[in-house]
Amino acid sequence: MSREDDLLAACVAAPEDDAPRLVWADAVGGERGELVVIQCRLAREDLPPAEAGALLRRADELIAAHGKPWSGFADTPAVRKILFRRGFVEAVVANVVEIRLPAIFEIAPLVTTLELKGITQVIDHRNRGERLGPDPIVFLAEMFDQPAFERLRGLGIDGAALYEIIGDDEWDNDYAPTSCSS
């Protein structure tokens, strides 16, 4: 394990403490370290508006130029969005059928917020019960059993569903036929 890995482990062990993040930033140096310092200052200090604005602009420049490679998800189309907070990826929007949760937590160990998509299964009984997609009940049970889930503070699950196609005759419980008068 390298010194940077040890420092990152210290950040994971104390996610609300900026001290390990700033030590990591100093060790890494350069623009990557600069982003950590800037975002920690913005999160913790009551800065004058002009100074805060200048730091926000610089953070935006750094993320625009380097955010994808720094996130670790540059070549992962399943990850739709990421958010840096205090210098590290803290929020991820991803299709979790295409990238499994352990991979997200390995790449971004300080993630505390997830928005998950893609947990849908269709069972087509017209075609011998063919199943397309993961079983959402099994998938969610396995997902919630992940050890890293304990540190999440935010979770959104978008569109988890199980659809069954029985045949061409469907009914809608909200539909009320109008009566015909004779």
N, C-alpha and C. Protein backbone atom coordinates (compact mmCIF):
# COMPACT_ATOMS: atom_id res chain seq x y z
N MET A 1 0.85 -1.18 0.00
CA MET A 1 0.00 0.00 0.00
C MET A 1 0.90 1.25 0.00
N SER A 2 0.59 2.18 -0.87
CA SER A 2 1.40 3.40 -0.97
C SER A 2 1.01 4.41 0.11
N ARG A 3 1.82 5.43 0.24
CA ARG A 3 1.53 6.49 1.21
C ARG A 3 0.20 7.17 0.87
N GLU A 4 -0.03 7.42 -0.43
CA GLU A 4 -1.30 8.04 -0.85
C GLU A 4 -2.49 7.15 -0.52
N ASP A 5 -2.33 5.83 -0.67
CA ASP A 5 -3.41 4.90 -0.30
C ASP A 5 -3.69 4.97 1.19
N ASP A 6 -2.63 5.05 2.00
CA ASP A 6 -2.80 5.17 3.45
C ASP A 6 -3.52 6.47 3.80
N LEU A 7 -3.14 7.54 3.12
CA LEU A 7 -3.79 8.84 3.38
C LEU A 7 -5.25 8.82 2.95
N LEU A 8 -5.54 8.16 1.84
CA LEU A 8 -6.93 8.03 1.39
C LEU A 8 -7.73 7.21 2.39
N ALA A 9 -7.13 6.15 2.92
CA ALA A 9 -7.80 5.34 3.94
C ALA A 9 -8.11 6.18 5.18
N ALA A 10 -7.24 7.11 5.52
CA ALA A 10 -7.50 8.02 6.65
C ALA A 10 -8.68 8.93 6.33
N CYS A 11 -8.81 9.36 5.08
CA CYS A 11 -9.96 10.19 4.68
C CYS A 11 -11.26 9.39 4.80
N VAL A 12 -11.23 8.13 4.38
CA VAL A 12 -12.41 7.27 4.46
C VAL A 12 -12.78 7.02 5.91
N ALA A 13 -11.78 6.84 6.76
CA ALA A 13 -12.04 6.56 8.18
C ALA A 13 -12.63 7.76 8.91
N ALA A 14 -12.34 8.97 8.44
CA ALA A 14 -12.85 10.19 9.08
C ALA A 14 -13.46 11.10 8.02
N PRO A 15 -14.61 10.70 7.43
CA PRO A 15 -15.14 11.42 6.27
C PRO A 15 -15.55 12.87 6.54
N GLU A 16 -15.86 13.23 7.77
CA GLU A 16 -16.27 14.61 8.08
C GLU A 16 -15.09 15.50 8.48
N ASP A 17 -13.93 14.92 8.65
CA ASP A 17 -12.74 15.65 9.08
C ASP A 17 -11.94 16.10 7.87
N ASP A 18 -11.70 17.39 7.75
CA ASP A 18 -10.93 17.89 6.62
C ASP A 18 -9.43 17.68 6.78
N ALA A 19 -8.94 17.45 7.98
CA ALA A 19 -7.50 17.33 8.19
C ALA A 19 -6.88 16.21 7.33
N PRO A 20 -7.44 14.99 7.32
CA PRO A 20 -6.85 13.96 6.45
C PRO A 20 -6.93 14.32 4.96
N ARG A 21 -8.01 14.99 4.58
CA ARG A 21 -8.13 15.42 3.18
C ARG A 21 -7.03 16.41 2.81
N LEU A 22 -6.75 17.33 3.71
CA LEU A 22 -5.73 18.34 3.44
C LEU A 22 -4.33 17.74 3.44
N VAL A 23 -4.08 16.74 4.28
CA VAL A 23 -2.79 16.03 4.25
C VAL A 23 -2.67 15.29 2.92
N TRP A 24 -3.76 14.63 2.48
CA TRP A 24 -3.76 13.94 1.19
C TRP A 24 -3.50 14.95 0.07
N ALA A 25 -4.15 16.10 0.13
CA ALA A 25 -3.98 17.13 -0.90
C ALA A 25 -2.53 17.59 -0.97
N ASP A 26 -1.92 17.77 0.19
CA ASP A 26 -0.51 18.20 0.24
C ASP A 26 0.39 17.12 -0.37
N ALA A 27 0.10 15.86 -0.09
CA ALA A 27 0.92 14.77 -0.61
C ALA A 27 0.77 14.63 -2.13
N VAL A 28 -0.45 14.81 -2.62
CA VAL A 28 -0.71 14.68 -4.06
C VAL A 28 -0.21 15.91 -4.81
N GLY A 29 -0.46 17.08 -4.22
CA GLY A 29 -0.01 18.32 -4.82
C GLY A 29 -0.72 18.67 -6.11
N GLY A 30 -0.18 19.65 -6.80
CA GLY A 30 -0.69 20.07 -8.10
C GLY A 30 -2.14 20.53 -8.06
N GLU A 31 -2.76 20.49 -9.22
CA GLU A 31 -4.14 20.95 -9.34
C GLU A 31 -5.12 20.04 -8.60
N ARG A 32 -4.79 18.76 -8.51
CA ARG A 32 -5.68 17.84 -7.78
C ARG A 32 -5.73 18.21 -6.31
N GLY A 33 -4.57 18.48 -5.73
CA GLY A 33 -4.52 18.92 -4.34
C GLY A 33 -5.17 20.28 -4.16
N GLU A 34 -5.01 21.13 -5.17
CA GLU A 34 -5.61 22.46 -5.12
C GLU A 34 -7.13 22.38 -5.01
N LEU A 35 -7.75 21.46 -5.76
CA LEU A 35 -9.21 21.31 -5.69
C LEU A 35 -9.65 20.94 -4.28
N VAL A 36 -8.95 20.02 -3.65
CA VAL A 36 -9.30 19.61 -2.28
C VAL A 36 -9.24 20.81 -1.35
N VAL A 37 -8.16 21.57 -1.42
CA VAL A 37 -7.98 22.73 -0.55
C VAL A 37 -9.09 23.75 -0.79
N ILE A 38 -9.37 24.05 -2.04
CA ILE A 38 -10.40 25.04 -2.38
C ILE A 38 -11.76 24.60 -1.85
N GLN A 39 -12.15 23.36 -2.15
CA GLN A 39 -13.48 22.91 -1.73
C GLN A 39 -13.60 22.78 -0.22
N CYS A 40 -12.53 22.42 0.45
CA CYS A 40 -12.57 22.38 1.92
C CYS A 40 -12.73 23.79 2.48
N ARG A 41 -12.04 24.74 1.92
CA ARG A 41 -12.19 26.13 2.38
C ARG A 41 -13.61 26.62 2.15
N LEU A 42 -14.15 26.35 0.97
CA LEU A 42 -15.51 26.79 0.67
C LEU A 42 -16.54 26.14 1.60
N ALA A 43 -16.29 24.91 1.99
CA ALA A 43 -17.24 24.19 2.85
C ALA A 43 -17.16 24.65 4.31
N ARG A 44 -16.00 25.08 4.76
CA ARG A 44 -15.80 25.32 6.18
C ARG A 44 -15.62 26.78 6.58
N GLU A 45 -15.19 27.61 5.67
CA GLU A 45 -14.87 28.99 6.05
C GLU A 45 -15.97 29.95 5.60
N ASP A 46 -16.14 30.98 6.39
CA ASP A 46 -17.07 32.05 6.03
C ASP A 46 -16.26 33.11 5.28
N LEU A 47 -16.21 32.95 3.97
CA LEU A 47 -15.36 33.80 3.13
C LEU A 47 -16.12 35.01 2.62
N PRO A 48 -15.42 36.11 2.40
CA PRO A 48 -16.06 37.26 1.76
C PRO A 48 -16.57 36.84 0.37
N PRO A 49 -17.68 37.42 -0.08
CA PRO A 49 -18.27 37.01 -1.36
C PRO A 49 -17.30 37.02 -2.55
N ALA A 50 -16.46 38.03 -2.64
CA ALA A 50 -15.54 38.11 -3.77
C ALA A 50 -14.54 36.95 -3.74
N GLU A 51 -14.02 36.63 -2.56
CA GLU A 51 -13.07 35.53 -2.44
C GLU A 51 -13.75 34.19 -2.70
N ALA A 52 -14.95 34.01 -2.15
CA ALA A 52 -15.70 32.77 -2.38
C ALA A 52 -16.01 32.61 -3.88
N GLY A 53 -16.38 33.71 -4.53
CA GLY A 53 -16.67 33.64 -5.96
C GLY A 53 -15.45 33.25 -6.77
N ALA A 54 -14.30 33.81 -6.44
CA ALA A 54 -13.06 33.48 -7.15
C ALA A 54 -12.70 32.00 -6.94
N LEU A 55 -12.88 31.51 -5.71
CA LEU A 55 -12.58 30.10 -5.44
C LEU A 55 -13.56 29.17 -6.15
N LEU A 56 -14.82 29.54 -6.19
CA LEU A 56 -15.81 28.74 -6.92
C LEU A 56 -15.47 28.67 -8.41
N ARG A 57 -15.08 29.80 -8.98
CA ARG A 57 -14.70 29.82 -10.40
C ARG A 57 -13.50 28.91 -10.64
N ARG A 58 -12.52 28.97 -9.75
CA ARG A 58 -11.33 28.13 -9.91
C ARG A 58 -11.69 26.65 -9.76
N ALA A 59 -12.51 26.32 -8.79
CA ALA A 59 -12.94 24.93 -8.61
C ALA A 59 -13.68 24.44 -9.86
N ASP A 60 -14.54 25.28 -10.42
CA ASP A 60 -15.27 24.92 -11.64
C ASP A 60 -14.30 24.69 -12.80
N GLU A 61 -13.27 25.53 -12.91
CA GLU A 61 -12.25 25.36 -13.97
C GLU A 61 -11.53 24.03 -13.81
N LEU A 62 -11.12 23.73 -12.58
CA LEU A 62 -10.40 22.47 -12.33
C LEU A 62 -11.27 21.26 -12.65
N ILE A 63 -12.52 21.30 -12.23
CA ILE A 63 -13.42 20.16 -12.48
C ILE A 63 -13.73 20.03 -13.97
N ALA A 64 -13.93 21.16 -14.65
CA ALA A 64 -14.19 21.11 -16.10
C ALA A 64 -12.99 20.50 -16.84
N ALA A 65 -11.79 20.85 -16.40
CA ALA A 65 -10.59 20.37 -17.09
C ALA A 65 -10.21 18.94 -16.69
N HIS A 66 -10.45 18.55 -15.44
CA HIS A 66 -9.91 17.28 -14.94
C HIS A 66 -10.92 16.39 -14.22
N GLY A 67 -12.14 16.84 -14.06
CA GLY A 67 -13.10 16.12 -13.23
C GLY A 67 -13.32 14.68 -13.63
N LYS A 68 -13.50 14.43 -14.92
CA LYS A 68 -13.75 13.04 -15.35
C LYS A 68 -12.60 12.11 -14.99
N PRO A 69 -11.37 12.43 -15.38
CA PRO A 69 -10.29 11.50 -15.00
C PRO A 69 -10.07 11.42 -13.49
N TRP A 70 -10.20 12.54 -12.78
CA TRP A 70 -10.03 12.51 -11.33
C TRP A 70 -11.10 11.67 -10.66
N SER A 71 -12.30 11.61 -11.23
CA SER A 71 -13.39 10.86 -10.61
C SER A 71 -13.14 9.36 -10.65
N GLY A 72 -12.38 8.89 -11.64
CA GLY A 72 -12.17 7.46 -11.82
C GLY A 72 -13.24 6.82 -12.70
N PHE A 73 -14.24 7.59 -13.10
CA PHE A 73 -15.36 7.06 -13.88
C PHE A 73 -15.35 7.53 -15.34
N ALA A 74 -14.23 8.07 -15.81
CA ALA A 74 -14.18 8.64 -17.16
C ALA A 74 -14.58 7.64 -18.24
N ASP A 75 -14.18 6.39 -18.08
CA ASP A 75 -14.48 5.36 -19.08
C ASP A 75 -15.60 4.44 -18.63
N THR A 76 -16.53 4.97 -17.82
CA THR A 76 -17.62 4.17 -17.28
C THR A 76 -18.94 4.83 -17.66
N PRO A 77 -19.50 4.46 -18.84
CA PRO A 77 -20.75 5.11 -19.27
C PRO A 77 -21.93 4.85 -18.35
N ALA A 78 -21.85 3.84 -17.50
CA ALA A 78 -22.94 3.55 -16.56
C ALA A 78 -23.08 4.66 -15.52
N VAL A 79 -22.01 5.39 -15.28
CA VAL A 79 -22.05 6.50 -14.33
C VAL A 79 -22.44 7.74 -15.12
N ARG A 80 -23.61 8.27 -14.77
CA ARG A 80 -24.17 9.40 -15.53
C ARG A 80 -23.70 10.75 -15.01
N LYS A 81 -23.56 10.88 -13.69
CA LYS A 81 -23.14 12.15 -13.09
C LYS A 81 -22.34 11.86 -11.83
N ILE A 82 -21.48 12.81 -11.50
CA ILE A 82 -20.76 12.74 -10.22
C ILE A 82 -20.72 14.14 -9.63
N LEU A 83 -20.51 14.21 -8.33
CA LEU A 83 -20.39 15.48 -7.64
C LEU A 83 -19.18 15.41 -6.73
N PHE A 84 -18.28 16.39 -6.89
CA PHE A 84 -17.14 16.51 -5.99
C PHE A 84 -17.57 17.36 -4.80
N ARG A 85 -17.20 16.93 -3.62
CA ARG A 85 -17.42 17.71 -2.41
C ARG A 85 -16.17 17.58 -1.57
N ARG A 86 -15.64 18.71 -1.16
CA ARG A 86 -14.42 18.75 -0.38
C ARG A 86 -13.31 17.92 -1.04
N GLY A 87 -13.28 17.99 -2.39
CA GLY A 87 -12.19 17.43 -3.17
C GLY A 87 -12.33 16.02 -3.66
N PHE A 88 -13.36 15.30 -3.23
CA PHE A 88 -13.52 13.91 -3.61
C PHE A 88 -14.93 13.66 -4.14
N VAL A 89 -15.08 12.61 -4.96
CA VAL A 89 -16.41 12.25 -5.45
C VAL A 89 -17.24 11.81 -4.25
N GLU A 90 -18.36 12.51 -4.06
CA GLU A 90 -19.21 12.20 -2.93
C GLU A 90 -20.61 11.76 -3.35
N ALA A 91 -21.03 12.10 -4.57
CA ALA A 91 -22.35 11.69 -5.05
C ALA A 91 -22.21 11.12 -6.46
N VAL A 92 -22.96 10.05 -6.71
CA VAL A 92 -22.89 9.36 -7.99
C VAL A 92 -24.31 9.03 -8.45
N VAL A 93 -24.57 9.28 -9.73
CA VAL A 93 -25.80 8.82 -10.38
C VAL A 93 -25.36 7.75 -11.37
N ALA A 94 -25.88 6.52 -11.21
CA ALA A 94 -25.39 5.43 -12.05
C ALA A 94 -26.48 4.41 -12.35
N ASN A 95 -26.30 3.73 -13.48
CA ASN A 95 -27.10 2.56 -13.81
C ASN A 95 -26.42 1.37 -13.14
N VAL A 96 -26.98 0.90 -12.05
CA VAL A 96 -26.31 -0.12 -11.25
C VAL A 96 -26.42 -1.53 -11.83
N VAL A 97 -27.08 -1.67 -12.95
CA VAL A 97 -27.06 -2.95 -13.63
C VAL A 97 -25.79 -3.03 -14.47
N GLU A 98 -25.32 -1.87 -14.94
CA GLU A 98 -24.12 -1.81 -15.77
C GLU A 98 -22.85 -1.71 -14.95
N ILE A 99 -22.92 -1.14 -13.76
CA ILE A 99 -21.77 -1.07 -12.86
C ILE A 99 -22.27 -1.45 -11.47
N ARG A 100 -21.68 -2.46 -10.90
CA ARG A 100 -22.12 -2.95 -9.60
C ARG A 100 -21.63 -2.03 -8.48
N LEU A 101 -22.36 -2.04 -7.38
CA LEU A 101 -22.04 -1.16 -6.26
C LEU A 101 -20.62 -1.31 -5.72
N PRO A 102 -20.11 -2.52 -5.57
CA PRO A 102 -18.74 -2.60 -5.05
C PRO A 102 -17.75 -1.82 -5.91
N ALA A 103 -17.96 -1.81 -7.22
CA ALA A 103 -17.05 -1.06 -8.10
C ALA A 103 -17.17 0.44 -7.84
N ILE A 104 -18.38 0.93 -7.61
CA ILE A 104 -18.56 2.36 -7.31
C ILE A 104 -17.79 2.73 -6.05
N PHE A 105 -17.95 1.92 -5.00
CA PHE A 105 -17.29 2.22 -3.73
C PHE A 105 -15.77 2.03 -3.81
N GLU A 106 -15.30 1.14 -4.67
CA GLU A 106 -13.84 0.97 -4.84
C GLU A 106 -13.25 2.18 -5.56
N ILE A 107 -13.94 2.65 -6.58
CA ILE A 107 -13.44 3.79 -7.36
C ILE A 107 -13.58 5.09 -6.58
N ALA A 108 -14.69 5.25 -5.87
CA ALA A 108 -14.97 6.49 -5.12
C ALA A 108 -15.30 6.13 -3.67
N PRO A 109 -14.28 5.88 -2.85
CA PRO A 109 -14.54 5.37 -1.50
C PRO A 109 -15.19 6.37 -0.54
N LEU A 110 -15.30 7.63 -0.93
CA LEU A 110 -15.93 8.62 -0.06
C LEU A 110 -17.36 8.95 -0.48
N VAL A 111 -17.95 8.13 -1.35
CA VAL A 111 -19.33 8.34 -1.78
C VAL A 111 -20.26 8.22 -0.58
N THR A 112 -21.14 9.21 -0.44
CA THR A 112 -22.15 9.17 0.62
C THR A 112 -23.57 9.29 0.07
N THR A 113 -23.69 9.57 -1.23
CA THR A 113 -25.01 9.73 -1.85
C THR A 113 -25.02 9.01 -3.19
N LEU A 114 -26.04 8.19 -3.38
CA LEU A 114 -26.21 7.47 -4.64
C LEU A 114 -27.60 7.70 -5.19
N GLU A 115 -27.67 7.84 -6.50
CA GLU A 115 -28.95 7.78 -7.20
C GLU A 115 -28.81 6.63 -8.19
N LEU A 116 -29.63 5.63 -8.01
CA LEU A 116 -29.50 4.40 -8.77
C LEU A 116 -30.61 4.27 -9.80
N LYS A 117 -30.22 3.81 -10.98
CA LYS A 117 -31.17 3.62 -12.08
C LYS A 117 -30.98 2.22 -12.65
N GLY A 118 -31.96 1.74 -13.39
CA GLY A 118 -31.81 0.51 -14.15
C GLY A 118 -32.25 -0.76 -13.47
N ILE A 119 -32.92 -0.67 -12.33
CA ILE A 119 -33.31 -1.87 -11.59
C ILE A 119 -34.73 -2.25 -12.00
N THR A 120 -34.87 -2.72 -13.22
CA THR A 120 -36.19 -3.06 -13.76
C THR A 120 -36.12 -4.42 -14.44
N GLN A 121 -37.16 -5.21 -14.23
CA GLN A 121 -37.26 -6.50 -14.90
C GLN A 121 -38.63 -6.58 -15.59
N VAL A 122 -38.62 -7.14 -16.78
CA VAL A 122 -39.86 -7.40 -17.52
C VAL A 122 -39.97 -8.91 -17.69
N ILE A 123 -41.12 -9.44 -17.31
CA ILE A 123 -41.40 -10.86 -17.52
C ILE A 123 -42.50 -10.93 -18.58
N ASP A 124 -42.17 -11.50 -19.72
CA ASP A 124 -43.11 -11.58 -20.83
C ASP A 124 -43.69 -13.00 -20.89
N HIS A 125 -44.91 -13.15 -20.37
CA HIS A 125 -45.55 -14.46 -20.35
C HIS A 125 -46.02 -14.89 -21.74
N ARG A 126 -46.08 -13.94 -22.66
CA ARG A 126 -46.45 -14.29 -24.04
C ARG A 126 -45.30 -15.04 -24.70
N ASN A 127 -44.11 -14.91 -24.15
CA ASN A 127 -42.92 -15.52 -24.73
C ASN A 127 -42.28 -16.47 -23.71
N ARG A 128 -43.06 -17.42 -23.22
CA ARG A 128 -42.62 -18.46 -22.27
C ARG A 128 -41.96 -17.88 -21.02
N GLY A 129 -42.46 -16.76 -20.53
CA GLY A 129 -41.97 -16.18 -19.29
C GLY A 129 -40.57 -15.61 -19.38
N GLU A 130 -40.16 -15.20 -20.58
CA GLU A 130 -38.82 -14.64 -20.76
C GLU A 130 -38.62 -13.45 -19.81
N ARG A 131 -37.49 -13.45 -19.12
CA ARG A 131 -37.17 -12.39 -18.16
C ARG A 131 -36.06 -11.52 -18.73
N LEU A 132 -36.33 -10.22 -18.77
CA LEU A 132 -35.36 -9.25 -19.24
C LEU A 132 -35.01 -8.32 -18.07
N GLY A 133 -33.73 -8.26 -17.73
CA GLY A 133 -33.29 -7.40 -16.64
C GLY A 133 -33.21 -8.16 -15.33
N PRO A 134 -32.63 -7.53 -14.32
CA PRO A 134 -32.45 -8.20 -13.03
C PRO A 134 -33.75 -8.27 -12.25
N ASP A 135 -33.87 -9.27 -11.40
CA ASP A 135 -35.00 -9.34 -10.48
C ASP A 135 -34.81 -8.21 -9.46
N PRO A 136 -35.70 -7.21 -9.46
CA PRO A 136 -35.47 -6.06 -8.59
C PRO A 136 -35.47 -6.39 -7.11
N ILE A 137 -36.25 -7.37 -6.68
CA ILE A 137 -36.29 -7.74 -5.27
C ILE A 137 -34.94 -8.33 -4.84
N VAL A 138 -34.44 -9.27 -5.62
CA VAL A 138 -33.14 -9.88 -5.31
C VAL A 138 -32.04 -8.84 -5.41
N PHE A 139 -32.09 -8.03 -6.46
CA PHE A 139 -31.05 -7.02 -6.66
C PHE A 139 -31.01 -6.04 -5.49
N LEU A 140 -32.16 -5.53 -5.07
CA LEU A 140 -32.20 -4.57 -3.96
C LEU A 140 -31.74 -5.23 -2.66
N ALA A 141 -32.13 -6.48 -2.42
CA ALA A 141 -31.69 -7.17 -1.20
C ALA A 141 -30.17 -7.30 -1.17
N GLU A 142 -29.57 -7.70 -2.29
CA GLU A 142 -28.11 -7.81 -2.37
C GLU A 142 -27.45 -6.44 -2.21
N MET A 143 -28.06 -5.43 -2.80
CA MET A 143 -27.51 -4.08 -2.75
C MET A 143 -27.48 -3.57 -1.31
N PHE A 144 -28.58 -3.74 -0.58
CA PHE A 144 -28.65 -3.24 0.79
C PHE A 144 -27.75 -4.03 1.73
N ASP A 145 -27.28 -5.19 1.30
CA ASP A 145 -26.40 -6.01 2.12
C ASP A 145 -24.92 -5.60 1.98
N GLN A 146 -24.63 -4.65 1.10
CA GLN A 146 -23.25 -4.20 0.91
C GLN A 146 -22.75 -3.47 2.15
N PRO A 147 -21.56 -3.78 2.66
CA PRO A 147 -21.03 -3.10 3.84
C PRO A 147 -20.91 -1.59 3.67
N ALA A 148 -20.56 -1.13 2.48
CA ALA A 148 -20.39 0.31 2.26
C ALA A 148 -21.70 1.08 2.36
N PHE A 149 -22.82 0.37 2.26
CA PHE A 149 -24.12 1.03 2.35
C PHE A 149 -24.32 1.72 3.70
N GLU A 150 -23.63 1.25 4.73
CA GLU A 150 -23.79 1.82 6.07
C GLU A 150 -23.41 3.29 6.13
N ARG A 151 -22.51 3.73 5.27
CA ARG A 151 -22.07 5.12 5.37
C ARG A 151 -22.85 6.08 4.47
N LEU A 152 -23.83 5.55 3.73
CA LEU A 152 -24.62 6.43 2.87
C LEU A 152 -25.52 7.33 3.71
N ARG A 153 -25.62 8.58 3.26
CA ARG A 153 -26.55 9.54 3.87
C ARG A 153 -27.70 9.87 2.94
N GLY A 154 -27.55 9.53 1.67
CA GLY A 154 -28.60 9.80 0.70
C GLY A 154 -28.68 8.67 -0.32
N LEU A 155 -29.91 8.28 -0.66
CA LEU A 155 -30.12 7.21 -1.62
C LEU A 155 -31.39 7.49 -2.40
N GLY A 156 -31.27 7.47 -3.71
CA GLY A 156 -32.44 7.57 -4.58
C GLY A 156 -32.45 6.36 -5.49
N ILE A 157 -33.60 5.74 -5.60
CA ILE A 157 -33.75 4.59 -6.49
C ILE A 157 -34.81 4.98 -7.51
N ASP A 158 -34.38 5.17 -8.73
CA ASP A 158 -35.25 5.68 -9.77
C ASP A 158 -35.74 4.53 -10.64
N GLY A 159 -37.03 4.28 -10.57
CA GLY A 159 -37.66 3.36 -11.51
C GLY A 159 -37.47 1.89 -11.22
N ALA A 160 -37.19 1.48 -9.99
CA ALA A 160 -37.11 0.05 -9.71
C ALA A 160 -38.51 -0.53 -9.89
N ALA A 161 -38.62 -1.53 -10.75
CA ALA A 161 -39.95 -2.05 -11.04
C ALA A 161 -39.87 -3.47 -11.59
N LEU A 162 -40.96 -4.16 -11.44
CA LEU A 162 -41.14 -5.48 -12.03
C LEU A 162 -42.42 -5.40 -12.85
N TYR A 163 -42.28 -5.59 -14.15
CA TYR A 163 -43.43 -5.56 -15.05
C TYR A 163 -43.69 -6.96 -15.58
N GLU A 164 -44.95 -7.35 -15.56
CA GLU A 164 -45.32 -8.63 -16.15
C GLU A 164 -46.27 -8.38 -17.30
N ILE A 165 -45.97 -8.99 -18.43
CA ILE A 165 -46.84 -8.90 -19.60
C ILE A 165 -47.56 -10.23 -19.70
N ILE A 166 -48.87 -10.21 -19.49
CA ILE A 166 -49.66 -11.42 -19.46
C ILE A 166 -50.14 -11.79 -20.87
N GLY A 167 -50.63 -10.83 -21.57
CA GLY A 167 -51.15 -11.07 -22.91
C GLY A 167 -51.70 -9.78 -23.46
N ASP A 168 -52.49 -9.90 -24.49
CA ASP A 168 -53.03 -8.71 -25.15
C ASP A 168 -54.21 -8.12 -24.41
N ASP A 169 -54.84 -8.90 -23.54
CA ASP A 169 -56.00 -8.41 -22.80
C ASP A 169 -55.53 -7.87 -21.46
N GLU A 170 -55.61 -6.57 -21.29
CA GLU A 170 -55.20 -5.95 -20.04
C GLU A 170 -56.38 -5.18 -19.49
N TRP A 171 -56.36 -4.94 -18.19
CA TRP A 171 -57.41 -4.14 -17.59
C TRP A 171 -56.77 -3.09 -16.71
N ASP A 172 -57.51 -2.03 -16.50
CA ASP A 172 -57.03 -0.90 -15.72
C ASP A 172 -58.01 -0.67 -14.60
N ASN A 173 -57.56 -0.80 -13.37
CA ASN A 173 -58.43 -0.67 -12.21
C ASN A 173 -59.01 0.74 -12.09
N ASP A 174 -58.33 1.72 -12.67
CA ASP A 174 -58.82 3.10 -12.60
C ASP A 174 -59.87 3.39 -13.67
N TYR A 175 -60.07 2.47 -14.58
CA TYR A 175 -61.01 2.68 -15.67
C TYR A 175 -62.42 2.34 -15.19
N ALA A 176 -63.34 3.24 -15.38
CA ALA A 176 -64.75 2.98 -15.03
C ALA A 176 -65.57 3.19 -16.29
N PRO A 177 -66.13 2.11 -16.84
CA PRO A 177 -66.91 2.28 -18.07
C PRO A 177 -68.15 3.14 -17.83
N THR A 178 -68.46 3.91 -18.82
CA THR A 178 -69.67 4.73 -18.72
C THR A 178 -70.87 3.85 -19.03
N SER A 179 -71.96 4.12 -18.36
CA SER A 179 -73.17 3.30 -18.60
C SER A 179 -73.88 3.81 -19.84
N CYS A 180 -74.51 2.90 -20.51
CA CYS A 180 -75.28 3.26 -21.70
C CYS A 180 -76.77 3.28 -21.33
N SER A 181 -77.47 4.26 -21.76
CA SER A 181 -78.90 4.28 -21.51
C SER A 181 -79.62 3.69 -22.72
N SER A 182 -80.70 2.97 -22.45
CA SER A 182 -81.43 2.33 -23.54
C SER A 182 -82.67 3.08 -23.90
